[in-house]
Amino acid sequence: MLETLITSALLAVVGIYCVVVKKNLIKKVIGLAIFTNSIHLLLISIGFREGGIAPIITQANLVGFAARAVDPLPQALVLTSIVIQLSVTALALSIAILAFRHLNTLNTDKMNKLSG
C-alpha cells in the first residue's frame, strides 16, 4: 500500500514538472496524462483492501460482507475519469496540431513572441 502511494506521488511530481517546466506542447500534454494517471493510481489504491472480496453479495458471503468487500466507488470514479482523460488528451492534442499549423512551432515561448 505504501509503495503504491509513493509511486503515485512520484508520478504526480513528474507530471506537474512536465506541465510547468517543459516548453513543448506535446510534452505538456504527456505530463498532464502522467499526472492524471497518478491520480487514478491513488484512487485505486484507496479502494484496496487486503484479502478483500468482490463487492457482489451472494449466499456464501452474507456474513461480514461489509468488512471484507472491496469498495467499488473508487473503481467507478477511475473508469469515468479515464474516459474524461481520453477526451481531454484528444482535445489538447488537436489544439496542439492546430497551433503548429498556424504558428509553425510547438514551443510555448515562441508562440508568445509570435502572438505579440
PDB file of N, CA and C in Angstrom:
ATOM      1  N   MET A   1       0.821  -1.194   0.000  1.00  0.00           N
ATOM      2  CA  MET A   1       0.000   0.000   0.000  1.00  0.00           C
ATOM      3  C   MET A   1       0.870   1.265   0.000  1.00  0.00           C
ATOM      4  N   LEU A   2       1.882   1.272   0.846  1.00  0.00           N
ATOM      5  CA  LEU A   2       2.760   2.432   0.922  1.00  0.00           C
ATOM      6  C   LEU A   2       3.528   2.638  -0.378  1.00  0.00           C
ATOM      7  N   GLU A   3       3.934   1.529  -1.005  1.00  0.00           N
ATOM      8  CA  GLU A   3       4.663   1.630  -2.272  1.00  0.00           C
ATOM      9  C   GLU A   3       3.798   2.273  -3.350  1.00  0.00           C
ATOM     10  N   THR A   4       2.529   1.934  -3.354  1.00  0.00           N
ATOM     11  CA  THR A   4       1.605   2.497  -4.340  1.00  0.00           C
ATOM     12  C   THR A   4       1.429   3.997  -4.123  1.00  0.00           C
ATOM     13  N   LEU A   5       1.333   4.412  -2.874  1.00  0.00           N
ATOM     14  CA  LEU A   5       1.183   5.836  -2.583  1.00  0.00           C
ATOM     15  C   LEU A   5       2.441   6.614  -2.967  1.00  0.00           C
ATOM     16  N   ILE A   6       3.610   6.033  -2.712  1.00  0.00           N
ATOM     17  CA  ILE A   6       4.861   6.687  -3.095  1.00  0.00           C
ATOM     18  C   ILE A   6       4.977   6.785  -4.610  1.00  0.00           C
ATOM     19  N   THR A   7       4.611   5.703  -5.297  1.00  0.00           N
ATOM     20  CA  THR A   7       4.638   5.709  -6.761  1.00  0.00           C
ATOM     21  C   THR A   7       3.683   6.760  -7.314  1.00  0.00           C
ATOM     22  N   SER A   8       2.504   6.843  -6.728  1.00  0.00           N
ATOM     23  CA  SER A   8       1.532   7.838  -7.171  1.00  0.00           C
ATOM     24  C   SER A   8       2.058   9.254  -6.956  1.00  0.00           C
ATOM     25  N   ALA A   9       2.700   9.490  -5.829  1.00  0.00           N
ATOM     26  CA  ALA A   9       3.248  10.821  -5.552  1.00  0.00           C
ATOM     27  C   ALA A   9       4.385  11.163  -6.521  1.00  0.00           C
ATOM     28  N   LEU A  10       5.244  10.190  -6.804  1.00  0.00           N
ATOM     29  CA  LEU A  10       6.337  10.440  -7.745  1.00  0.00           C
ATOM     30  C   LEU A  10       5.817  10.719  -9.156  1.00  0.00           C
ATOM     31  N   LEU A  11       4.817   9.964  -9.578  1.00  0.00           N
ATOM     32  CA  LEU A  11       4.221  10.219 -10.893  1.00  0.00           C
ATOM     33  C   LEU A  11       3.570  11.598 -10.943  1.00  0.00           C
ATOM     34  N   ALA A  12       2.933  11.997  -9.854  1.00  0.00           N
ATOM     35  CA  ALA A  12       2.314  13.321  -9.809  1.00  0.00           C
ATOM     36  C   ALA A  12       3.368  14.416  -9.933  1.00  0.00           C
ATOM     37  N   VAL A  13       4.493  14.238  -9.258  1.00  0.00           N
ATOM     38  CA  VAL A  13       5.574  15.232  -9.336  1.00  0.00           C
ATOM     39  C   VAL A  13       6.128  15.305 -10.756  1.00  0.00           C
ATOM     40  N   VAL A  14       6.335  14.145 -11.388  1.00  0.00           N
ATOM     41  CA  VAL A  14       6.840  14.125 -12.766  1.00  0.00           C
ATOM     42  C   VAL A  14       5.844  14.804 -13.704  1.00  0.00           C
ATOM     43  N   GLY A  15       4.559  14.519 -13.531  1.00  0.00           N
ATOM     44  CA  GLY A  15       3.541  15.131 -14.378  1.00  0.00           C
ATOM     45  C   GLY A  15       3.476  16.636 -14.215  1.00  0.00           C
ATOM     46  N   ILE A  16       3.507  17.103 -12.982  1.00  0.00           N
ATOM     47  CA  ILE A  16       3.475  18.548 -12.739  1.00  0.00           C
ATOM     48  C   ILE A  16       4.736  19.210 -13.285  1.00  0.00           C
ATOM     49  N   TYR A  17       5.883  18.546 -13.124  1.00  0.00           N
ATOM     50  CA  TYR A  17       7.136  19.076 -13.663  1.00  0.00           C
ATOM     51  C   TYR A  17       7.021  19.262 -15.178  1.00  0.00           C
ATOM     52  N   CYS A  18       6.493  18.261 -15.862  1.00  0.00           N
ATOM     53  CA  CYS A  18       6.364  18.354 -17.329  1.00  0.00           C
ATOM     54  C   CYS A  18       5.436  19.491 -17.736  1.00  0.00           C
ATOM     55  N   VAL A  19       4.336  19.642 -17.032  1.00  0.00           N
ATOM     56  CA  VAL A  19       3.376  20.682 -17.391  1.00  0.00           C
ATOM     57  C   VAL A  19       3.950  22.075 -17.129  1.00  0.00           C
ATOM     58  N   VAL A  20       4.679  22.235 -16.040  1.00  0.00           N
ATOM     59  CA  VAL A  20       5.158  23.564 -15.648  1.00  0.00           C
ATOM     60  C   VAL A  20       6.451  23.946 -16.358  1.00  0.00           C
ATOM     61  N   VAL A  21       7.409  23.024 -16.462  1.00  0.00           N
ATOM     62  CA  VAL A  21       8.749  23.379 -16.921  1.00  0.00           C
ATOM     63  C   VAL A  21       8.923  23.225 -18.431  1.00  0.00           C
ATOM     64  N   LYS A  22       8.393  22.177 -19.004  1.00  0.00           N
ATOM     65  CA  LYS A  22       8.621  21.901 -20.421  1.00  0.00           C
ATOM     66  C   LYS A  22       7.955  22.965 -21.288  1.00  0.00           C
ATOM     67  N   LYS A  23       8.576  23.271 -22.426  1.00  0.00           N
ATOM     68  CA  LYS A  23       8.075  24.308 -23.331  1.00  0.00           C
ATOM     69  C   LYS A  23       7.314  23.740 -24.524  1.00  0.00           C
ATOM     70  N   ASN A  24       7.503  22.465 -24.815  1.00  0.00           N
ATOM     71  CA  ASN A  24       6.847  21.831 -25.952  1.00  0.00           C
ATOM     72  C   ASN A  24       5.421  21.430 -25.562  1.00  0.00           C
ATOM     73  N   LEU A  25       4.449  21.774 -26.417  1.00  0.00           N
ATOM     74  CA  LEU A  25       3.047  21.478 -26.105  1.00  0.00           C
ATOM     75  C   LEU A  25       2.782  19.976 -25.984  1.00  0.00           C
ATOM     76  N   ILE A  26       3.411  19.167 -26.815  1.00  0.00           N
ATOM     77  CA  ILE A  26       3.202  17.724 -26.752  1.00  0.00           C
ATOM     78  C   ILE A  26       3.704  17.182 -25.417  1.00  0.00           C
ATOM     79  N   LYS A  27       4.844  17.674 -24.958  1.00  0.00           N
ATOM     80  CA  LYS A  27       5.378  17.239 -23.660  1.00  0.00           C
ATOM     81  C   LYS A  27       4.469  17.684 -22.522  1.00  0.00           C
ATOM     82  N   LYS A  28       3.854  18.843 -22.658  1.00  0.00           N
ATOM     83  CA  LYS A  28       2.904  19.294 -21.641  1.00  0.00           C
ATOM     84  C   LYS A  28       1.673  18.385 -21.596  1.00  0.00           C
ATOM     85  N   VAL A  29       1.196  17.952 -22.754  1.00  0.00           N
ATOM     86  CA  VAL A  29       0.045  17.046 -22.799  1.00  0.00           C
ATOM     87  C   VAL A  29       0.412  15.696 -22.190  1.00  0.00           C
ATOM     88  N   ILE A  30       1.610  15.214 -22.483  1.00  0.00           N
ATOM     89  CA  ILE A  30       2.070  13.952 -21.890  1.00  0.00           C
ATOM     90  C   ILE A  30       2.184  14.099 -20.375  1.00  0.00           C
ATOM     91  N   GLY A  31       2.696  15.218 -19.898  1.00  0.00           N
ATOM     92  CA  GLY A  31       2.783  15.458 -18.457  1.00  0.00           C
ATOM     93  C   GLY A  31       1.414  15.492 -17.800  1.00  0.00           C
ATOM     94  N   LEU A  32       0.443  16.086 -18.488  1.00  0.00           N
ATOM     95  CA  LEU A  32      -0.922  16.098 -17.968  1.00  0.00           C
ATOM     96  C   LEU A  32      -1.489  14.682 -17.874  1.00  0.00           C
ATOM     97  N   ALA A  33      -1.201  13.860 -18.869  1.00  0.00           N
ATOM     98  CA  ALA A  33      -1.657  12.466 -18.841  1.00  0.00           C
ATOM     99  C   ALA A  33      -0.983  11.690 -17.712  1.00  0.00           C
ATOM    100  N   ILE A  34       0.304  11.920 -17.489  1.00  0.00           N
ATOM    101  CA  ILE A  34       1.015  11.245 -16.396  1.00  0.00           C
ATOM    102  C   ILE A  34       0.427  11.666 -15.052  1.00  0.00           C
ATOM    103  N   PHE A  35       0.154  12.949 -14.898  1.00  0.00           N
ATOM    104  CA  PHE A  35      -0.437  13.427 -13.641  1.00  0.00           C
ATOM    105  C   PHE A  35      -1.811  12.799 -13.408  1.00  0.00           C
ATOM    106  N   THR A  36      -2.620  12.739 -14.436  1.00  0.00           N
ATOM    107  CA  THR A  36      -3.947  12.151 -14.295  1.00  0.00           C
ATOM    108  C   THR A  36      -3.854  10.668 -13.955  1.00  0.00           C
ATOM    109  N   ASN A  37      -2.911   9.967 -14.560  1.00  0.00           N
ATOM    110  CA  ASN A  37      -2.743   8.550 -14.244  1.00  0.00           C
ATOM    111  C   ASN A  37      -2.259   8.348 -12.814  1.00  0.00           C
ATOM    112  N   SER A  38      -1.494   9.291 -12.287  1.00  0.00           N
ATOM    113  CA  SER A  38      -1.091   9.174 -10.881  1.00  0.00           C
ATOM    114  C   SER A  38      -2.295   9.308  -9.950  1.00  0.00           C
ATOM    115  N   ILE A  39      -3.227  10.159 -10.319  1.00  0.00           N
ATOM    116  CA  ILE A  39      -4.453  10.296  -9.526  1.00  0.00           C
ATOM    117  C   ILE A  39      -5.280   9.015  -9.618  1.00  0.00           C
ATOM    118  N   HIS A  40      -5.318   8.407 -10.805  1.00  0.00           N
ATOM    119  CA  HIS A  40      -6.031   7.132 -10.957  1.00  0.00           C
ATOM    120  C   HIS A  40      -5.424   6.069 -10.049  1.00  0.00           C
ATOM    121  N   LEU A  41      -4.105   5.991 -10.041  1.00  0.00           N
ATOM    122  CA  LEU A  41      -3.419   5.025  -9.189  1.00  0.00           C
ATOM    123  C   LEU A  41      -3.724   5.280  -7.717  1.00  0.00           C
ATOM    124  N   LEU A  42      -3.758   6.546  -7.314  1.00  0.00           N
ATOM    125  CA  LEU A  42      -4.079   6.889  -5.935  1.00  0.00           C
ATOM    126  C   LEU A  42      -5.499   6.459  -5.577  1.00  0.00           C
ATOM    127  N   LEU A  43      -6.453   6.735  -6.450  1.00  0.00           N
ATOM    128  CA  LEU A  43      -7.842   6.364  -6.160  1.00  0.00           C
ATOM    129  C   LEU A  43      -8.029   4.853  -6.076  1.00  0.00           C
ATOM    130  N   ILE A  44      -7.378   4.118  -6.963  1.00  0.00           N
ATOM    131  CA  ILE A  44      -7.487   2.659  -6.915  1.00  0.00           C
ATOM    132  C   ILE A  44      -6.851   2.130  -5.641  1.00  0.00           C
ATOM    133  N   SER A  45      -5.721   2.699  -5.231  1.00  0.00           N
ATOM    134  CA  SER A  45      -5.075   2.220  -4.006  1.00  0.00           C
ATOM    135  C   SER A  45      -5.889   2.551  -2.760  1.00  0.00           C
ATOM    136  N   ILE A  46      -6.664   3.626  -2.806  1.00  0.00           N
ATOM    137  CA  ILE A  46      -7.528   3.954  -1.671  1.00  0.00           C
ATOM    138  C   ILE A  46      -8.602   2.879  -1.495  1.00  0.00           C
ATOM    139  N   GLY A  47      -9.123   2.367  -2.596  1.00  0.00           N
ATOM    140  CA  GLY A  47     -10.168   1.359  -2.523  1.00  0.00           C
ATOM    141  C   GLY A  47      -9.665  -0.050  -2.260  1.00  0.00           C
ATOM    142  N   PHE A  48      -8.344  -0.241  -2.178  1.00  0.00           N
ATOM    143  CA  PHE A  48      -7.771  -1.572  -1.974  1.00  0.00           C
ATOM    144  C   PHE A  48      -7.988  -2.039  -0.541  1.00  0.00           C
ATOM    145  N   ARG A  49      -8.287  -3.318  -0.407  1.00  0.00           N
ATOM    146  CA  ARG A  49      -8.413  -3.937   0.909  1.00  0.00           C
ATOM    147  C   ARG A  49      -7.716  -5.288   0.863  1.00  0.00           C
ATOM    148  N   GLU A  50      -6.758  -5.485   1.748  1.00  0.00           N
ATOM    149  CA  GLU A  50      -6.006  -6.746   1.808  1.00  0.00           C
ATOM    150  C   GLU A  50      -6.963  -7.906   2.075  1.00  0.00           C
ATOM    151  N   GLY A  51      -6.924  -8.902   1.208  1.00  0.00           N
ATOM    152  CA  GLY A  51      -7.804 -10.071   1.358  1.00  0.00           C
ATOM    153  C   GLY A  51      -9.257  -9.767   1.051  1.00  0.00           C
ATOM    154  N   GLY A  52      -9.502  -8.661   0.366  1.00  0.00           N
ATOM    155  CA  GLY A  52     -10.866  -8.265   0.059  1.00  0.00           C
ATOM    156  C   GLY A  52     -11.514  -9.163  -0.986  1.00  0.00           C
ATOM    157  N   ILE A  53     -12.829  -9.152  -0.977  1.00  0.00           N
ATOM    158  CA  ILE A  53     -13.594  -9.930  -1.954  1.00  0.00           C
ATOM    159  C   ILE A  53     -14.319  -8.974  -2.892  1.00  0.00           C
ATOM    160  N   ALA A  54     -14.777  -9.511  -4.000  1.00  0.00           N
ATOM    161  CA  ALA A  54     -15.526  -8.688  -4.958  1.00  0.00           C
ATOM    162  C   ALA A  54     -16.814  -8.192  -4.297  1.00  0.00           C
ATOM    163  N   PRO A  55     -17.219  -6.960  -4.595  1.00  0.00           N
ATOM    164  CA  PRO A  55     -18.408  -6.400  -3.943  1.00  0.00           C
ATOM    165  C   PRO A  55     -19.712  -6.923  -4.552  1.00  0.00           C
ATOM    166  N   ILE A  56     -19.851  -8.243  -4.585  1.00  0.00           N
ATOM    167  CA  ILE A  56     -21.056  -8.890  -5.103  1.00  0.00           C
ATOM    168  C   ILE A  56     -21.618  -9.767  -3.995  1.00  0.00           C
ATOM    169  N   ILE A  57     -22.836  -9.498  -3.590  1.00  0.00           N
ATOM    170  CA  ILE A  57     -23.447 -10.250  -2.492  1.00  0.00           C
ATOM    171  C   ILE A  57     -23.989 -11.572  -3.012  1.00  0.00           C
ATOM    172  N   THR A  58     -23.563 -12.643  -2.348  1.00  0.00           N
ATOM    173  CA  THR A  58     -24.082 -13.984  -2.630  1.00  0.00           C
ATOM    174  C   THR A  58     -24.464 -14.629  -1.303  1.00  0.00           C
ATOM    175  N   GLN A  59     -25.079 -15.796  -1.370  1.00  0.00           N
ATOM    176  CA  GLN A  59     -25.450 -16.512  -0.143  1.00  0.00           C
ATOM    177  C   GLN A  59     -24.212 -16.932   0.641  1.00  0.00           C
ATOM    178  N   ALA A  60     -23.127 -17.201  -0.046  1.00  0.00           N
ATOM    179  CA  ALA A  60     -21.915 -17.698   0.613  1.00  0.00           C
ATOM    180  C   ALA A  60     -21.189 -16.611   1.404  1.00  0.00           C
ATOM    181  N   ASN A  61     -21.350 -15.349   1.043  1.00  0.00           N
ATOM    182  CA  ASN A  61     -20.573 -14.306   1.721  1.00  0.00           C
ATOM    183  C   ASN A  61     -21.434 -13.275   2.443  1.00  0.00           C
ATOM    184  N   LEU A  62     -22.630 -13.649   2.881  1.00  0.00           N
ATOM    185  CA  LEU A  62     -23.501 -12.700   3.573  1.00  0.00           C
ATOM    186  C   LEU A  62     -22.943 -12.261   4.918  1.00  0.00           C
ATOM    187  N   VAL A  63     -22.326 -13.168   5.648  1.00  0.00           N
ATOM    188  CA  VAL A  63     -21.829 -12.848   6.981  1.00  0.00           C
ATOM    189  C   VAL A  63     -20.537 -12.033   6.867  1.00  0.00           C
ATOM    190  N   GLY A  64     -20.537 -10.849   7.419  1.00  0.00           N
ATOM    191  CA  GLY A  64     -19.362  -9.995   7.408  1.00  0.00           C
ATOM    192  C   GLY A  64     -19.009  -9.445   6.039  1.00  0.00           C
ATOM    193  N   PHE A  65     -19.993  -9.316   5.179  1.00  0.00           N
ATOM    194  CA  PHE A  65     -19.738  -8.860   3.804  1.00  0.00           C
ATOM    195  C   PHE A  65     -19.125  -7.470   3.790  1.00  0.00           C
ATOM    196  N   ALA A  66     -19.672  -6.538   4.574  1.00  0.00           N
ATOM    197  CA  ALA A  66     -19.203  -5.149   4.546  1.00  0.00           C
ATOM    198  C   ALA A  66     -17.764  -5.031   5.029  1.00  0.00           C
ATOM    199  N   ALA A  67     -17.338  -5.913   5.907  1.00  0.00           N
ATOM    200  CA  ALA A  67     -15.972  -5.849   6.432  1.00  0.00           C
ATOM    201  C   ALA A  67     -14.958  -6.426   5.454  1.00  0.00           C
ATOM    202  N   ARG A  68     -15.403  -7.288   4.538  1.00  0.00           N
ATOM    203  CA  ARG A  68     -14.459  -7.943   3.632  1.00  0.00           C
ATOM    204  C   ARG A  68     -14.521  -7.420   2.203  1.00  0.00           C
ATOM    205  N   ALA A  69     -15.582  -6.769   1.819  1.00  0.00           N
ATOM    206  CA  ALA A  69     -15.758  -6.360   0.418  1.00  0.00           C
ATOM    207  C   ALA A  69     -14.887  -5.151   0.086  1.00  0.00           C
ATOM    208  N   VAL A  70     -14.395  -5.135  -1.133  1.00  0.00           N
ATOM    209  CA  VAL A  70     -13.617  -4.012  -1.646  1.00  0.00           C
ATOM    210  C   VAL A  70     -14.593  -2.900  -2.032  1.00  0.00           C
ATOM    211  N   ASP A  71     -14.190  -1.659  -1.787  1.00  0.00           N
ATOM    212  CA  ASP A  71     -15.048  -0.516  -2.108  1.00  0.00           C
ATOM    213  C   ASP A  71     -15.090  -0.312  -3.628  1.00  0.00           C
ATOM    214  N   PRO A  72     -16.260  -0.408  -4.272  1.00  0.00           N
ATOM    215  CA  PRO A  72     -16.331  -0.259  -5.724  1.00  0.00           C
ATOM    216  C   PRO A  72     -16.385   1.193  -6.201  1.00  0.00           C
ATOM    217  N   LEU A  73     -16.600   2.135  -5.308  1.00  0.00           N
ATOM    218  CA  LEU A  73     -16.742   3.528  -5.719  1.00  0.00           C
ATOM    219  C   LEU A  73     -15.471   4.094  -6.358  1.00  0.00           C
ATOM    220  N   PRO A  74     -14.271   3.889  -5.789  1.00  0.00           N
ATOM    221  CA  PRO A  74     -13.076   4.397  -6.472  1.00  0.00           C
ATOM    222  C   PRO A  74     -12.882   3.793  -7.859  1.00  0.00           C
ATOM    223  N   GLN A  75     -13.241   2.538  -8.028  1.00  0.00           N
ATOM    224  CA  GLN A  75     -13.113   1.903  -9.341  1.00  0.00           C
ATOM    225  C   GLN A  75     -14.035   2.569 -10.351  1.00  0.00           C
ATOM    226  N   ALA A  76     -15.261   2.868  -9.940  1.00  0.00           N
ATOM    227  CA  ALA A  76     -16.204   3.538 -10.835  1.00  0.00           C
ATOM    228  C   ALA A  76     -15.734   4.950 -11.167  1.00  0.00           C
ATOM    229  N   LEU A  77     -15.189   5.646 -10.168  1.00  0.00           N
ATOM    230  CA  LEU A  77     -14.682   7.000 -10.410  1.00  0.00           C
ATOM    231  C   LEU A  77     -13.505   6.981 -11.380  1.00  0.00           C
ATOM    232  N   VAL A  78     -12.626   5.998 -11.241  1.00  0.00           N
ATOM    233  CA  VAL A  78     -11.469   5.911 -12.130  1.00  0.00           C
ATOM    234  C   VAL A  78     -11.905   5.580 -13.552  1.00  0.00           C
ATOM    235  N   LEU A  79     -12.860   4.683 -13.707  1.00  0.00           N
ATOM    236  CA  LEU A  79     -13.355   4.377 -15.055  1.00  0.00           C
ATOM    237  C   LEU A  79     -13.928   5.616 -15.727  1.00  0.00           C
ATOM    238  N   THR A  80     -14.682   6.396 -14.982  1.00  0.00           N
ATOM    239  CA  THR A  80     -15.236   7.631 -15.526  1.00  0.00           C
ATOM    240  C   THR A  80     -14.123   8.626 -15.845  1.00  0.00           C
ATOM    241  N   SER A  81     -13.147   8.717 -14.962  1.00  0.00           N
ATOM    242  CA  SER A  81     -12.043   9.649 -15.165  1.00  0.00           C
ATOM    243  C   SER A  81     -11.176   9.264 -16.360  1.00  0.00           C
ATOM    244  N   ILE A  82     -11.033   7.975 -16.621  1.00  0.00           N
ATOM    245  CA  ILE A  82     -10.259   7.537 -17.780  1.00  0.00           C
ATOM    246  C   ILE A  82     -10.911   8.013 -19.071  1.00  0.00           C
ATOM    247  N   VAL A  83     -12.225   7.928 -19.140  1.00  0.00           N
ATOM    248  CA  VAL A  83     -12.943   8.398 -20.327  1.00  0.00           C
ATOM    249  C   VAL A  83     -12.771   9.911 -20.480  1.00  0.00           C
ATOM    250  N   ILE A  84     -12.865  10.631 -19.383  1.00  0.00           N
ATOM    251  CA  ILE A  84     -12.688  12.079 -19.427  1.00  0.00           C
ATOM    252  C   ILE A  84     -11.259  12.422 -19.824  1.00  0.00           C
ATOM    253  N   GLN A  85     -10.274  11.690 -19.279  1.00  0.00           N
ATOM    254  CA  GLN A  85      -8.871  11.937 -19.628  1.00  0.00           C
ATOM    255  C   GLN A  85      -8.629  11.711 -21.114  1.00  0.00           C
ATOM    256  N   LEU A  86      -9.210  10.680 -21.667  1.00  0.00           N
ATOM    257  CA  LEU A  86      -9.050  10.412 -23.090  1.00  0.00           C
ATOM    258  C   LEU A  86      -9.584  11.573 -23.923  1.00  0.00           C
ATOM    259  N   SER A  87     -10.732  12.093 -23.543  1.00  0.00           N
ATOM    260  CA  SER A  87     -11.324  13.214 -24.274  1.00  0.00           C
ATOM    261  C   SER A  87     -10.470  14.478 -24.145  1.00  0.00           C
ATOM    262  N   VAL A  88      -9.998  14.759 -22.949  1.00  0.00           N
ATOM    263  CA  VAL A  88      -9.170  15.950 -22.729  1.00  0.00           C
ATOM    264  C   VAL A  88      -7.856  15.833 -23.490  1.00  0.00           C
ATOM    265  N   THR A  89      -7.246  14.653 -23.482  1.00  0.00           N
ATOM    266  CA  THR A  89      -5.992  14.451 -24.198  1.00  0.00           C
ATOM    267  C   THR A  89      -6.179  14.614 -25.701  1.00  0.00           C
ATOM    268  N   ALA A  90      -7.260  14.050 -26.229  1.00  0.00           N
ATOM    269  CA  ALA A  90      -7.535  14.199 -27.657  1.00  0.00           C
ATOM    270  C   ALA A  90      -7.762  15.659 -28.023  1.00  0.00           C
ATOM    271  N   LEU A  91      -8.489  16.386 -27.199  1.00  0.00           N
ATOM    272  CA  LEU A  91      -8.727  17.807 -27.456  1.00  0.00           C
ATOM    273  C   LEU A  91      -7.428  18.603 -27.372  1.00  0.00           C
ATOM    274  N   ALA A  92      -6.606  18.325 -26.365  1.00  0.00           N
ATOM    275  CA  ALA A  92      -5.342  19.051 -26.214  1.00  0.00           C
ATOM    276  C   ALA A  92      -4.408  18.773 -27.387  1.00  0.00           C
ATOM    277  N   LEU A  93      -4.353  17.532 -27.840  1.00  0.00           N
ATOM    278  CA  LEU A  93      -3.504  17.216 -28.988  1.00  0.00           C
ATOM    279  C   LEU A  93      -4.023  17.864 -30.271  1.00  0.00           C
ATOM    280  N   SER A  94      -5.338  17.928 -30.425  1.00  0.00           N
ATOM    281  CA  SER A  94      -5.880  18.587 -31.624  1.00  0.00           C
ATOM    282  C   SER A  94      -5.603  20.095 -31.588  1.00  0.00           C
ATOM    283  N   ILE A  95      -5.651  20.686 -30.412  1.00  0.00           N
ATOM    284  CA  ILE A  95      -5.300  22.104 -30.287  1.00  0.00           C
ATOM    285  C   ILE A  95      -3.820  22.315 -30.587  1.00  0.00           C
ATOM    286  N   ALA A  96      -2.965  21.377 -30.139  1.00  0.00           N
ATOM    287  CA  ALA A  96      -1.534  21.468 -30.433  1.00  0.00           C
ATOM    288  C   ALA A  96      -1.279  21.363 -31.940  1.00  0.00           C
ATOM    289  N   ILE A  97      -2.009  20.487 -32.614  1.00  0.00           N
ATOM    290  CA  ILE A  97      -1.861  20.352 -34.068  1.00  0.00           C
ATOM    291  C   ILE A  97      -2.280  21.643 -34.769  1.00  0.00           C
ATOM    292  N   LEU A  98      -3.402  22.215 -34.349  1.00  0.00           N
ATOM    293  CA  LEU A  98      -3.852  23.472 -34.946  1.00  0.00           C
ATOM    294  C   LEU A  98      -2.863  24.609 -34.672  1.00  0.00           C
ATOM    295  N   ALA A  99      -2.316  24.647 -33.468  1.00  0.00           N
ATOM    296  CA  ALA A  99      -1.325  25.679 -33.146  1.00  0.00           C
ATOM    297  C   ALA A  99      -0.079  25.511 -34.004  1.00  0.00           C
ATOM    298  N   PHE A 100       0.350  24.272 -34.234  1.00  0.00           N
ATOM    299  CA  PHE A 100       1.530  24.040 -35.065  1.00  0.00           C
ATOM    300  C   PHE A 100       1.263  24.444 -36.513  1.00  0.00           C
ATOM    301  N   ARG A 101       0.076  24.140 -37.009  1.00  0.00           N
ATOM    302  CA  ARG A 101      -0.259  24.523 -38.391  1.00  0.00           C
ATOM    303  C   ARG A 101      -0.308  26.044 -38.548  1.00  0.00           C
ATOM    304  N   HIS A 102      -0.790  26.708 -37.523  1.00  0.00           N
ATOM    305  CA  HIS A 102      -0.946  28.162 -37.611  1.00  0.00           C
ATOM    306  C   HIS A 102       0.366  28.903 -37.330  1.00  0.00           C
ATOM    307  N   LEU A 103       1.129  28.438 -36.329  1.00  0.00           N
ATOM    308  CA  LEU A 103       2.314  29.169 -35.885  1.00  0.00           C
ATOM    309  C   LEU A 103       3.634  28.504 -36.274  1.00  0.00           C
ATOM    310  N   ASN A 104       3.585  27.277 -36.795  1.00  0.00           N
ATOM    311  CA  ASN A 104       4.768  26.517 -37.208  1.00  0.00           C
ATOM    312  C   ASN A 104       5.745  26.248 -36.064  1.00  0.00           C
ATOM    313  N   THR A 105       5.259  26.153 -34.851  1.00  0.00           N
ATOM    314  CA  THR A 105       6.085  25.812 -33.704  1.00  0.00           C
ATOM    315  C   THR A 105       5.215  25.201 -32.610  1.00  0.00           C
ATOM    316  N   LEU A 106       5.840  24.372 -31.781  1.00  0.00           N
ATOM    317  CA  LEU A 106       5.166  23.834 -30.602  1.00  0.00           C
ATOM    318  C   LEU A 106       5.761  24.405 -29.320  1.00  0.00           C
ATOM    319  N   ASN A 107       6.745  25.272 -29.443  1.00  0.00           N
ATOM    320  CA  ASN A 107       7.395  25.895 -28.302  1.00  0.00           C
ATOM    321  C   ASN A 107       6.514  27.025 -27.784  1.00  0.00           C
ATOM    322  N   THR A 108       6.154  26.976 -26.507  1.00  0.00           N
ATOM    323  CA  THR A 108       5.241  27.984 -25.961  1.00  0.00           C
ATOM    324  C   THR A 108       5.884  29.366 -25.873  1.00  0.00           C
ATOM    325  N   ASP A 109       7.187  29.411 -25.649  1.00  0.00           N
ATOM    326  CA  ASP A 109       7.861  30.726 -25.615  1.00  0.00           C
ATOM    327  C   ASP A 109       7.799  31.402 -26.980  1.00  0.00           C
ATOM    328  N   LYS A 110       8.061  30.635 -28.022  1.00  0.00           N
ATOM    329  CA  LYS A 110       7.999  31.201 -29.368  1.00  0.00           C
ATOM    330  C   LYS A 110       6.570  31.581 -29.728  1.00  0.00           C
ATOM    331  N   MET A 111       5.592  30.817 -29.249  1.00  0.00           N
ATOM    332  CA  MET A 111       4.194  31.154 -29.523  1.00  0.00           C
ATOM    333  C   MET A 111       3.826  32.490 -28.893  1.00  0.00           C
ATOM    334  N   ASN A 112       4.317  32.721 -27.671  1.00  0.00           N
ATOM    335  CA  ASN A 112       4.040  34.003 -27.012  1.00  0.00           C
ATOM    336  C   ASN A 112       4.667  35.172 -27.755  1.00  0.00           C
ATOM    337  N   LYS A 113       5.864  34.986 -28.291  1.00  0.00           N
ATOM    338  CA  LYS A 113       6.526  36.061 -29.034  1.00  0.00           C
ATOM    339  C   LYS A 113       5.833  36.324 -30.373  1.00  0.00           C
ATOM    340  N   LEU A 114       5.304  35.251 -31.003  1.00  0.00           N
ATOM    341  CA  LEU A 114       4.630  35.424 -32.294  1.00  0.00           C
ATOM    342  C   LEU A 114       3.281  36.119 -32.154  1.00  0.00           C
ATOM    343  N   SER A 115       2.599  35.874 -31.049  1.00  0.00           N
ATOM    344  CA  SER A 115       1.269  36.447 -30.890  1.00  0.00           C
ATOM    345  C   SER A 115       1.297  37.916 -30.498  1.00  0.00           C
ATOM    346  N   GLY A 116       2.429  38.404 -30.080  1.00  0.00           N
ATOM    347  CA  GLY A 116       2.538  39.819 -29.799  1.00  0.00           C
ATOM    348  C   GLY A 116       2.842  40.029 -28.374  1.00  0.00           C
TER     349      GLY A 116
END
